[in-house]
Amino acid sequence: MECFTCKITAAVDKSYPLREAVFGESSGRCRWHAWDNDAIFVCSVCKKPKFFEQVAWCRKKDLLICTECAPSHTVEDQFWFWKTYTCITCPHCGERHPTLNRQEYLGEHPWQANPFCCPQFPIWYPDGRLLEKENLKQEKAGILCPHCKARLSIAEPGTYRCPHCHQILTVRKKSH
């Protein structure tokens, strides 16, 4: 069975993948679109599992925050099939973070930022690109941002912007 949320997202965005449902019997859910009783997205404050539309990821601290543990507000903005999303004021960094559904749409979901942590593939990116598990290069998993020390999954030399602290970094070829 395919994930219900993947199906309705793919109906409005043909580049979006259909993932296999691993939870739910009547309306299946993948790990990306988990409900609170699926125990995938656990708030770092209250330690309770949350529905993916009720939790946001703080890139700076690599922590999840739910709408019950921090002030939040609704933002009216159409994306995919949603008309609104929730922004949560982070108790860890003070910034406002959109919930995971909006973060995925923007390419800022924690599993998009670090595919090595992703429990279910493929990973969709806003340019329509899909990343399959077999395309990950495990030997490159250990690159750290020199500014914030976040673990990055960069496979090729080049100049990049860290998805955590937004600083520019350059990755060079290993010299032997």
N, C-alpha and C. Protein backbone atom coordinates (compact mmCIF):
# COMPACT_ATOMS: atom_id res chain seq x y z
N MET A 1 0.85 -1.18 0.00
CA MET A 1 0.00 0.00 0.00
C MET A 1 0.90 1.24 0.00
N GLU A 2 0.49 2.27 -0.74
CA GLU A 2 1.25 3.51 -0.80
C GLU A 2 0.78 4.48 0.29
N CYS A 3 1.68 5.35 0.70
CA CYS A 3 1.37 6.37 1.70
C CYS A 3 0.31 7.32 1.15
N PHE A 4 -0.71 7.58 1.94
CA PHE A 4 -1.79 8.47 1.53
C PHE A 4 -1.29 9.88 1.26
N THR A 5 -0.44 10.43 2.14
CA THR A 5 0.07 11.79 1.95
C THR A 5 0.97 11.87 0.73
N CYS A 6 1.78 10.86 0.49
CA CYS A 6 2.60 10.83 -0.73
C CYS A 6 1.71 10.86 -1.97
N LYS A 7 0.61 10.09 -1.94
CA LYS A 7 -0.30 10.03 -3.09
C LYS A 7 -0.92 11.39 -3.40
N ILE A 8 -1.42 12.08 -2.36
CA ILE A 8 -2.07 13.36 -2.64
C ILE A 8 -1.05 14.45 -2.97
N THR A 9 0.17 14.32 -2.47
CA THR A 9 1.23 15.26 -2.84
C THR A 9 1.64 15.03 -4.30
N ALA A 10 1.81 13.78 -4.69
CA ALA A 10 2.18 13.44 -6.07
C ALA A 10 1.10 13.85 -7.06
N ALA A 11 -0.15 13.93 -6.61
CA ALA A 11 -1.23 14.36 -7.49
C ALA A 11 -1.08 15.82 -7.91
N VAL A 12 -0.44 16.64 -7.07
CA VAL A 12 -0.24 18.06 -7.40
C VAL A 12 1.20 18.37 -7.81
N ASP A 13 2.12 17.45 -7.55
CA ASP A 13 3.53 17.63 -7.92
C ASP A 13 4.03 16.29 -8.47
N LYS A 14 4.09 16.20 -9.78
CA LYS A 14 4.43 14.93 -10.44
C LYS A 14 5.84 14.44 -10.11
N SER A 15 6.71 15.32 -9.59
CA SER A 15 8.07 14.90 -9.24
C SER A 15 8.13 14.22 -7.87
N TYR A 16 7.03 14.28 -7.13
CA TYR A 16 7.03 13.73 -5.77
C TYR A 16 6.91 12.21 -5.81
N PRO A 17 7.72 11.49 -5.00
CA PRO A 17 7.70 10.02 -5.03
C PRO A 17 6.56 9.41 -4.22
N LEU A 18 6.15 8.23 -4.62
CA LEU A 18 5.18 7.45 -3.84
C LEU A 18 5.97 6.47 -3.00
N ARG A 19 5.93 6.68 -1.68
CA ARG A 19 6.63 5.78 -0.77
C ARG A 19 5.67 4.72 -0.25
N GLU A 20 6.22 3.61 0.11
CA GLU A 20 5.44 2.50 0.66
C GLU A 20 4.95 2.87 2.07
N ALA A 21 3.69 2.56 2.36
CA ALA A 21 3.14 2.78 3.70
C ALA A 21 3.71 1.73 4.64
N VAL A 22 4.16 2.17 5.79
CA VAL A 22 4.66 1.25 6.82
C VAL A 22 3.81 1.33 8.09
N PHE A 23 2.91 2.30 8.14
CA PHE A 23 2.01 2.49 9.27
C PHE A 23 0.59 2.63 8.75
N GLY A 24 -0.37 2.40 9.62
CA GLY A 24 -1.78 2.64 9.29
C GLY A 24 -2.38 1.53 8.45
N GLU A 25 -3.65 1.30 8.67
CA GLU A 25 -4.35 0.26 7.91
C GLU A 25 -5.32 0.85 6.90
N SER A 26 -6.08 1.88 7.29
CA SER A 26 -7.07 2.45 6.37
C SER A 26 -6.44 3.50 5.45
N SER A 27 -5.62 4.38 6.01
CA SER A 27 -4.90 5.36 5.18
C SER A 27 -3.43 5.24 5.54
N GLY A 28 -2.71 4.48 4.75
CA GLY A 28 -1.32 4.17 5.05
C GLY A 28 -0.43 5.40 5.11
N ARG A 29 0.63 5.28 5.90
CA ARG A 29 1.56 6.38 6.08
C ARG A 29 2.99 5.86 5.97
N CYS A 30 3.83 6.64 5.32
CA CYS A 30 5.26 6.33 5.30
C CYS A 30 5.91 6.98 6.52
N ARG A 31 7.19 6.77 6.69
CA ARG A 31 7.88 7.37 7.84
C ARG A 31 7.95 8.89 7.74
N TRP A 32 7.98 9.44 6.53
CA TRP A 32 8.01 10.89 6.35
C TRP A 32 6.73 11.55 6.84
N HIS A 33 5.61 10.86 6.73
CA HIS A 33 4.31 11.43 7.05
C HIS A 33 3.67 10.73 8.25
N ALA A 34 4.52 10.42 9.23
CA ALA A 34 4.10 9.67 10.41
C ALA A 34 3.17 10.48 11.32
N TRP A 35 2.28 9.75 11.96
CA TRP A 35 1.40 10.32 12.97
C TRP A 35 2.05 10.16 14.33
N ASP A 36 1.45 10.77 15.34
CA ASP A 36 2.03 10.71 16.68
C ASP A 36 2.14 9.28 17.21
N ASN A 37 1.18 8.43 16.92
CA ASN A 37 1.24 7.06 17.44
C ASN A 37 2.25 6.18 16.68
N ASP A 38 2.89 6.73 15.64
CA ASP A 38 3.93 6.00 14.91
C ASP A 38 5.30 6.17 15.56
N ALA A 39 5.43 7.14 16.45
CA ALA A 39 6.66 7.37 17.24
C ALA A 39 7.91 7.60 16.39
N ILE A 40 7.77 8.37 15.31
CA ILE A 40 8.93 8.70 14.46
C ILE A 40 9.51 10.05 14.85
N PHE A 41 8.66 11.07 15.00
CA PHE A 41 9.12 12.42 15.31
C PHE A 41 8.83 12.73 16.78
N VAL A 42 9.87 12.69 17.60
CA VAL A 42 9.73 12.86 19.05
C VAL A 42 10.25 14.24 19.44
N CYS A 43 9.41 15.02 20.11
CA CYS A 43 9.79 16.36 20.56
C CYS A 43 10.93 16.27 21.57
N SER A 44 11.92 17.14 21.41
CA SER A 44 13.08 17.14 22.31
C SER A 44 12.75 17.73 23.68
N VAL A 45 11.63 18.44 23.79
CA VAL A 45 11.26 19.07 25.06
C VAL A 45 10.39 18.12 25.90
N CYS A 46 9.24 17.70 25.36
CA CYS A 46 8.31 16.86 26.13
C CYS A 46 8.57 15.36 25.96
N LYS A 47 9.42 15.02 24.99
CA LYS A 47 9.79 13.62 24.72
C LYS A 47 8.61 12.78 24.23
N LYS A 48 7.58 13.43 23.68
CA LYS A 48 6.41 12.72 23.16
C LYS A 48 6.47 12.67 21.63
N PRO A 49 6.05 11.54 21.04
CA PRO A 49 5.98 11.47 19.58
C PRO A 49 4.87 12.38 19.05
N LYS A 50 5.11 12.98 17.89
CA LYS A 50 4.16 13.95 17.33
C LYS A 50 3.88 13.67 15.85
N PHE A 51 2.73 14.13 15.40
CA PHE A 51 2.31 14.12 14.00
C PHE A 51 3.26 15.04 13.23
N PHE A 52 3.64 14.68 12.01
CA PHE A 52 4.64 15.46 11.27
C PHE A 52 4.23 16.91 11.02
N GLU A 53 2.94 17.22 11.07
CA GLU A 53 2.49 18.60 10.90
C GLU A 53 2.48 19.37 12.22
N GLN A 54 2.92 18.75 13.31
CA GLN A 54 2.92 19.39 14.63
C GLN A 54 4.31 19.53 15.21
N VAL A 55 5.33 19.30 14.39
CA VAL A 55 6.70 19.36 14.90
C VAL A 55 7.60 20.02 13.85
N ALA A 56 8.58 20.77 14.35
CA ALA A 56 9.55 21.45 13.48
C ALA A 56 10.95 21.05 13.90
N TRP A 57 11.86 21.17 12.96
CA TRP A 57 13.27 20.83 13.21
C TRP A 57 14.09 22.10 13.33
N CYS A 58 14.87 22.20 14.41
CA CYS A 58 15.83 23.29 14.58
C CYS A 58 17.15 22.82 13.99
N ARG A 59 17.55 23.43 12.89
CA ARG A 59 18.80 23.05 12.21
C ARG A 59 20.02 23.33 13.07
N LYS A 60 19.98 24.44 13.79
CA LYS A 60 21.16 24.84 14.58
C LYS A 60 21.47 23.85 15.70
N LYS A 61 20.44 23.32 16.32
CA LYS A 61 20.63 22.40 17.46
C LYS A 61 20.33 20.95 17.11
N ASP A 62 19.81 20.71 15.90
CA ASP A 62 19.43 19.37 15.45
C ASP A 62 18.45 18.73 16.44
N LEU A 63 17.39 19.49 16.77
CA LEU A 63 16.36 19.03 17.70
C LEU A 63 14.98 19.27 17.12
N LEU A 64 14.01 18.44 17.51
CA LEU A 64 12.62 18.62 17.10
C LEU A 64 11.86 19.31 18.22
N ILE A 65 10.95 20.22 17.84
CA ILE A 65 10.14 20.98 18.80
C ILE A 65 8.69 20.88 18.35
N CYS A 66 7.78 20.63 19.29
CA CYS A 66 6.37 20.48 18.92
C CYS A 66 5.57 21.74 19.25
N THR A 67 4.36 21.78 18.71
CA THR A 67 3.47 22.93 18.89
C THR A 67 2.96 23.05 20.32
N GLU A 68 3.06 21.99 21.12
CA GLU A 68 2.61 22.06 22.51
C GLU A 68 3.68 22.60 23.45
N CYS A 69 4.93 22.55 23.03
CA CYS A 69 6.04 22.95 23.92
C CYS A 69 6.62 24.32 23.59
N ALA A 70 6.15 24.96 22.56
CA ALA A 70 6.68 26.26 22.17
C ALA A 70 5.57 27.06 21.49
N PRO A 71 5.64 28.39 21.57
CA PRO A 71 4.64 29.21 20.88
C PRO A 71 4.64 28.91 19.38
N SER A 72 3.45 28.92 18.80
CA SER A 72 3.34 28.66 17.36
C SER A 72 2.24 29.53 16.77
N HIS A 73 2.30 29.71 15.47
CA HIS A 73 1.25 30.45 14.78
C HIS A 73 1.06 29.86 13.38
N THR A 74 -0.12 30.06 12.84
CA THR A 74 -0.45 29.56 11.51
C THR A 74 -0.07 30.59 10.46
N VAL A 75 0.54 30.11 9.39
CA VAL A 75 0.92 30.97 8.26
C VAL A 75 0.08 30.53 7.06
N GLU A 76 -0.59 31.50 6.45
CA GLU A 76 -1.37 31.19 5.25
C GLU A 76 -0.46 31.29 4.04
N ASP A 77 -0.21 30.16 3.42
CA ASP A 77 0.62 30.11 2.22
C ASP A 77 0.40 28.76 1.56
N GLN A 78 -0.04 28.79 0.32
CA GLN A 78 -0.33 27.57 -0.43
C GLN A 78 0.96 26.86 -0.83
N PHE A 79 1.04 25.58 -0.53
CA PHE A 79 2.11 24.73 -1.05
C PHE A 79 1.55 23.32 -1.15
N TRP A 80 1.94 22.60 -2.19
CA TRP A 80 1.38 21.31 -2.50
C TRP A 80 -0.14 21.37 -2.32
N PHE A 81 -0.73 20.57 -1.46
CA PHE A 81 -2.19 20.61 -1.27
C PHE A 81 -2.59 21.35 0.00
N TRP A 82 -1.62 21.85 0.77
CA TRP A 82 -1.91 22.59 2.00
C TRP A 82 -2.15 24.06 1.69
N LYS A 83 -3.02 24.68 2.47
CA LYS A 83 -3.27 26.12 2.35
C LYS A 83 -2.55 26.89 3.45
N THR A 84 -2.17 26.19 4.52
CA THR A 84 -1.48 26.81 5.65
C THR A 84 -0.41 25.86 6.18
N TYR A 85 0.46 26.41 7.00
CA TYR A 85 1.40 25.59 7.77
C TYR A 85 1.62 26.29 9.09
N THR A 86 2.26 25.61 10.02
CA THR A 86 2.51 26.16 11.34
C THR A 86 3.98 26.51 11.48
N CYS A 87 4.25 27.65 12.12
CA CYS A 87 5.62 28.06 12.46
C CYS A 87 5.74 27.99 13.98
N ILE A 88 6.83 27.41 14.44
CA ILE A 88 7.06 27.24 15.87
C ILE A 88 8.26 28.09 16.28
N THR A 89 8.12 28.86 17.37
CA THR A 89 9.24 29.63 17.91
C THR A 89 10.09 28.69 18.74
N CYS A 90 11.32 28.54 18.33
CA CYS A 90 12.21 27.55 18.92
C CYS A 90 12.73 27.98 20.29
N PRO A 91 12.55 27.15 21.32
CA PRO A 91 13.08 27.47 22.64
C PRO A 91 14.60 27.30 22.72
N HIS A 92 15.19 26.66 21.71
CA HIS A 92 16.63 26.40 21.71
C HIS A 92 17.44 27.51 21.05
N CYS A 93 16.92 28.09 19.96
CA CYS A 93 17.69 29.11 19.24
C CYS A 93 16.95 30.43 19.10
N GLY A 94 15.65 30.45 19.42
CA GLY A 94 14.87 31.68 19.36
C GLY A 94 14.29 31.98 17.98
N GLU A 95 14.68 31.24 16.96
CA GLU A 95 14.16 31.47 15.61
C GLU A 95 12.83 30.76 15.43
N ARG A 96 12.13 31.12 14.35
CA ARG A 96 10.88 30.45 14.01
C ARG A 96 11.16 29.40 12.94
N HIS A 97 10.63 28.20 13.16
CA HIS A 97 10.82 27.10 12.22
C HIS A 97 9.47 26.60 11.74
N PRO A 98 9.31 26.41 10.43
CA PRO A 98 8.07 25.80 9.93
C PRO A 98 8.02 24.32 10.29
N THR A 99 6.83 23.77 10.34
CA THR A 99 6.68 22.35 10.64
C THR A 99 7.25 21.49 9.51
N LEU A 100 7.42 20.20 9.78
CA LEU A 100 8.12 19.31 8.86
C LEU A 100 7.51 19.25 7.46
N ASN A 101 6.19 19.37 7.34
CA ASN A 101 5.60 19.33 6.00
C ASN A 101 6.11 20.50 5.15
N ARG A 102 6.17 21.68 5.72
CA ARG A 102 6.69 22.85 5.00
C ARG A 102 8.21 22.75 4.82
N GLN A 103 8.91 22.25 5.84
CA GLN A 103 10.36 22.10 5.72
C GLN A 103 10.71 21.15 4.57
N GLU A 104 9.95 20.08 4.41
CA GLU A 104 10.22 19.18 3.28
C GLU A 104 10.01 19.90 1.95
N TYR A 105 8.93 20.65 1.84
CA TYR A 105 8.63 21.41 0.62
C TYR A 105 9.77 22.38 0.28
N LEU A 106 10.38 22.97 1.31
CA LEU A 106 11.47 23.93 1.12
C LEU A 106 12.83 23.25 0.94
N GLY A 107 12.90 21.94 1.16
CA GLY A 107 14.18 21.23 1.10
C GLY A 107 14.97 21.33 2.38
N GLU A 108 14.28 21.63 3.50
CA GLU A 108 14.94 21.86 4.78
C GLU A 108 14.59 20.82 5.84
N HIS A 109 13.99 19.73 5.43
CA HIS A 109 13.65 18.64 6.36
C HIS A 109 14.96 18.01 6.85
N PRO A 110 15.01 17.52 8.09
CA PRO A 110 16.27 16.94 8.59
C PRO A 110 16.79 15.78 7.74
N TRP A 111 15.91 15.00 7.14
CA TRP A 111 16.38 13.87 6.31
C TRP A 111 16.86 14.34 4.94
N GLN A 112 16.43 15.53 4.50
CA GLN A 112 16.97 16.10 3.27
C GLN A 112 18.35 16.69 3.55
N ALA A 113 18.50 17.29 4.72
CA ALA A 113 19.79 17.89 5.10
C ALA A 113 20.84 16.83 5.38
N ASN A 114 20.43 15.71 5.95
CA ASN A 114 21.37 14.62 6.24
C ASN A 114 20.74 13.29 5.83
N PRO A 115 20.89 12.92 4.57
CA PRO A 115 20.26 11.69 4.08
C PRO A 115 20.73 10.42 4.79
N PHE A 116 21.87 10.48 5.46
CA PHE A 116 22.38 9.30 6.15
C PHE A 116 21.52 8.94 7.36
N CYS A 117 20.65 9.86 7.79
CA CYS A 117 19.73 9.59 8.91
C CYS A 117 18.35 9.14 8.43
N CYS A 118 18.13 9.19 7.14
CA CYS A 118 16.79 8.91 6.59
C CYS A 118 16.44 7.43 6.69
N PRO A 119 15.29 7.11 7.30
CA PRO A 119 14.90 5.71 7.44
C PRO A 119 14.09 5.16 6.26
N GLN A 120 13.68 6.04 5.32
CA GLN A 120 12.87 5.56 4.19
C GLN A 120 13.13 6.41 2.96
N PHE A 121 13.47 5.75 1.89
CA PHE A 121 13.79 6.43 0.63
C PHE A 121 12.67 6.20 -0.37
N PRO A 122 12.61 7.02 -1.45
CA PRO A 122 13.57 8.04 -1.83
C PRO A 122 13.35 9.35 -1.09
N ILE A 123 14.38 10.20 -1.17
CA ILE A 123 14.30 11.55 -0.62
C ILE A 123 14.01 12.48 -1.79
N TRP A 124 12.98 13.31 -1.64
CA TRP A 124 12.60 14.29 -2.66
C TRP A 124 13.27 15.62 -2.34
N TYR A 125 13.72 16.34 -3.37
CA TYR A 125 14.28 17.69 -3.21
C TYR A 125 13.47 18.66 -4.07
N PRO A 126 13.42 19.95 -3.69
CA PRO A 126 12.58 20.92 -4.39
C PRO A 126 12.85 21.06 -5.89
N ASP A 127 14.03 20.70 -6.35
CA ASP A 127 14.29 20.76 -7.80
C ASP A 127 13.75 19.54 -8.53
N GLY A 128 13.03 18.66 -7.81
CA GLY A 128 12.45 17.47 -8.41
C GLY A 128 13.37 16.26 -8.39
N ARG A 129 14.57 16.46 -7.89
CA ARG A 129 15.56 15.38 -7.82
C ARG A 129 15.16 14.39 -6.72
N LEU A 130 15.41 13.11 -6.97
CA LEU A 130 15.18 12.07 -5.97
C LEU A 130 16.50 11.42 -5.62
N LEU A 131 16.70 11.16 -4.35
CA LEU A 131 17.90 10.48 -3.89
C LEU A 131 17.50 9.11 -3.37
N GLU A 132 18.06 8.08 -3.96
CA GLU A 132 17.82 6.71 -3.53
C GLU A 132 18.94 6.28 -2.58
N LYS A 133 18.63 5.37 -1.70
CA LYS A 133 19.61 4.92 -0.71
C LYS A 133 20.89 4.40 -1.35
N GLU A 134 20.76 3.68 -2.44
CA GLU A 134 21.94 3.10 -3.08
C GLU A 134 22.86 4.16 -3.70
N ASN A 135 22.39 5.40 -3.81
CA ASN A 135 23.21 6.47 -4.37
C ASN A 135 24.01 7.22 -3.31
N LEU A 136 23.79 6.90 -2.04
CA LEU A 136 24.57 7.54 -0.98
C LEU A 136 25.99 7.00 -0.99
N LYS A 137 26.92 7.85 -0.76
CA LYS A 137 28.31 7.43 -0.66
C LYS A 137 28.69 7.46 0.81
N GLN A 138 28.61 6.32 1.46
CA GLN A 138 28.83 6.23 2.90
C GLN A 138 30.19 6.77 3.33
N GLU A 139 31.20 6.64 2.49
CA GLU A 139 32.52 7.10 2.92
C GLU A 139 32.59 8.62 3.06
N LYS A 140 31.62 9.34 2.53
CA LYS A 140 31.61 10.80 2.64
C LYS A 140 30.72 11.29 3.79
N ALA A 141 30.18 10.39 4.58
CA ALA A 141 29.22 10.76 5.62
C ALA A 141 29.84 11.57 6.75
N GLY A 142 31.17 11.55 6.89
CA GLY A 142 31.79 12.17 8.04
C GLY A 142 32.22 13.61 7.89
N ILE A 143 31.83 14.31 6.83
CA ILE A 143 32.24 15.70 6.66
C ILE A 143 31.51 16.57 7.69
N LEU A 144 32.27 17.41 8.39
CA LEU A 144 31.68 18.32 9.37
C LEU A 144 31.79 19.75 8.87
N CYS A 145 30.73 20.54 9.11
CA CYS A 145 30.79 21.96 8.78
C CYS A 145 31.84 22.60 9.68
N PRO A 146 32.78 23.37 9.12
CA PRO A 146 33.81 23.98 9.96
C PRO A 146 33.27 25.08 10.87
N HIS A 147 32.06 25.57 10.59
CA HIS A 147 31.48 26.66 11.38
C HIS A 147 30.64 26.16 12.55
N CYS A 148 29.70 25.23 12.27
CA CYS A 148 28.77 24.78 13.32
C CYS A 148 28.99 23.32 13.72
N LYS A 149 29.89 22.64 13.04
CA LYS A 149 30.25 21.24 13.33
C LYS A 149 29.12 20.25 13.03
N ALA A 150 28.13 20.67 12.25
CA ALA A 150 27.06 19.75 11.85
C ALA A 150 27.60 18.73 10.86
N ARG A 151 27.12 17.50 10.95
CA ARG A 151 27.52 16.44 10.02
C ARG A 151 26.80 16.68 8.70
N LEU A 152 27.56 16.71 7.61
CA LEU A 152 27.01 16.97 6.28
C LEU A 152 27.24 15.78 5.37
N SER A 153 26.34 15.58 4.43
CA SER A 153 26.47 14.49 3.47
C SER A 153 26.82 15.07 2.11
N ILE A 154 28.08 15.38 1.93
CA ILE A 154 28.57 15.96 0.68
C ILE A 154 29.43 14.92 0.00
N ALA A 155 29.12 14.61 -1.26
CA ALA A 155 29.82 13.55 -1.96
C ALA A 155 30.90 14.06 -2.92
N GLU A 156 30.82 15.31 -3.34
CA GLU A 156 31.74 15.83 -4.35
C GLU A 156 32.43 17.09 -3.86
N PRO A 157 33.67 17.35 -4.32
CA PRO A 157 34.34 18.61 -3.99
C PRO A 157 33.54 19.78 -4.55
N GLY A 158 33.61 20.92 -3.89
CA GLY A 158 32.92 22.11 -4.36
C GLY A 158 32.64 23.07 -3.23
N THR A 159 31.93 24.14 -3.54
CA THR A 159 31.54 25.14 -2.55
C THR A 159 30.07 24.94 -2.24
N TYR A 160 29.74 24.91 -0.95
CA TYR A 160 28.38 24.62 -0.50
C TYR A 160 27.96 25.61 0.59
N ARG A 161 26.65 25.70 0.80
CA ARG A 161 26.10 26.46 1.93
C ARG A 161 25.57 25.43 2.92
N CYS A 162 26.04 25.49 4.15
CA CYS A 162 25.60 24.55 5.18
C CYS A 162 24.10 24.73 5.43
N PRO A 163 23.30 23.66 5.38
CA PRO A 163 21.86 23.78 5.64
C PRO A 163 21.54 24.06 7.11
N HIS A 164 22.53 23.92 7.98
CA HIS A 164 22.31 24.15 9.41
C HIS A 164 22.57 25.60 9.80
N CYS A 165 23.80 26.10 9.51
CA CYS A 165 24.17 27.46 9.93
C CYS A 165 24.17 28.45 8.77
N HIS A 166 24.01 27.96 7.55
CA HIS A 166 23.95 28.77 6.32
C HIS A 166 25.26 29.45 5.96
N GLN A 167 26.37 29.02 6.55
CA GLN A 167 27.68 29.55 6.19
C GLN A 167 28.19 28.82 4.95
N ILE A 168 29.07 29.49 4.21
CA ILE A 168 29.68 28.91 3.01
C ILE A 168 30.88 28.05 3.43
N LEU A 169 31.02 26.87 2.81
CA LEU A 169 32.18 26.03 3.07
C LEU A 169 32.66 25.44 1.75
N THR A 170 33.93 25.13 1.69
CA THR A 170 34.52 24.54 0.49
C THR A 170 35.05 23.16 0.84
N VAL A 171 34.70 22.19 0.01
CA VAL A 171 35.18 20.82 0.17
C VAL A 171 36.15 20.56 -0.97
N ARG A 172 37.36 20.16 -0.61
CA ARG A 172 38.40 19.88 -1.60
C ARG A 172 38.63 18.38 -1.71
N LYS A 173 39.20 17.97 -2.83
CA LYS A 173 39.58 16.57 -3.02
C LYS A 173 40.63 16.19 -2.00
N LYS A 174 40.56 14.96 -1.51
CA LYS A 174 41.59 14.47 -0.59
C LYS A 174 42.91 14.39 -1.33
N SER A 175 43.97 14.88 -0.71
CA SER A 175 45.29 14.72 -1.32
C SER A 175 45.98 13.56 -0.62
N HIS A 176 46.62 12.74 -1.40
CA HIS A 176 47.25 11.53 -0.84
C HIS A 176 48.70 11.75 -0.58
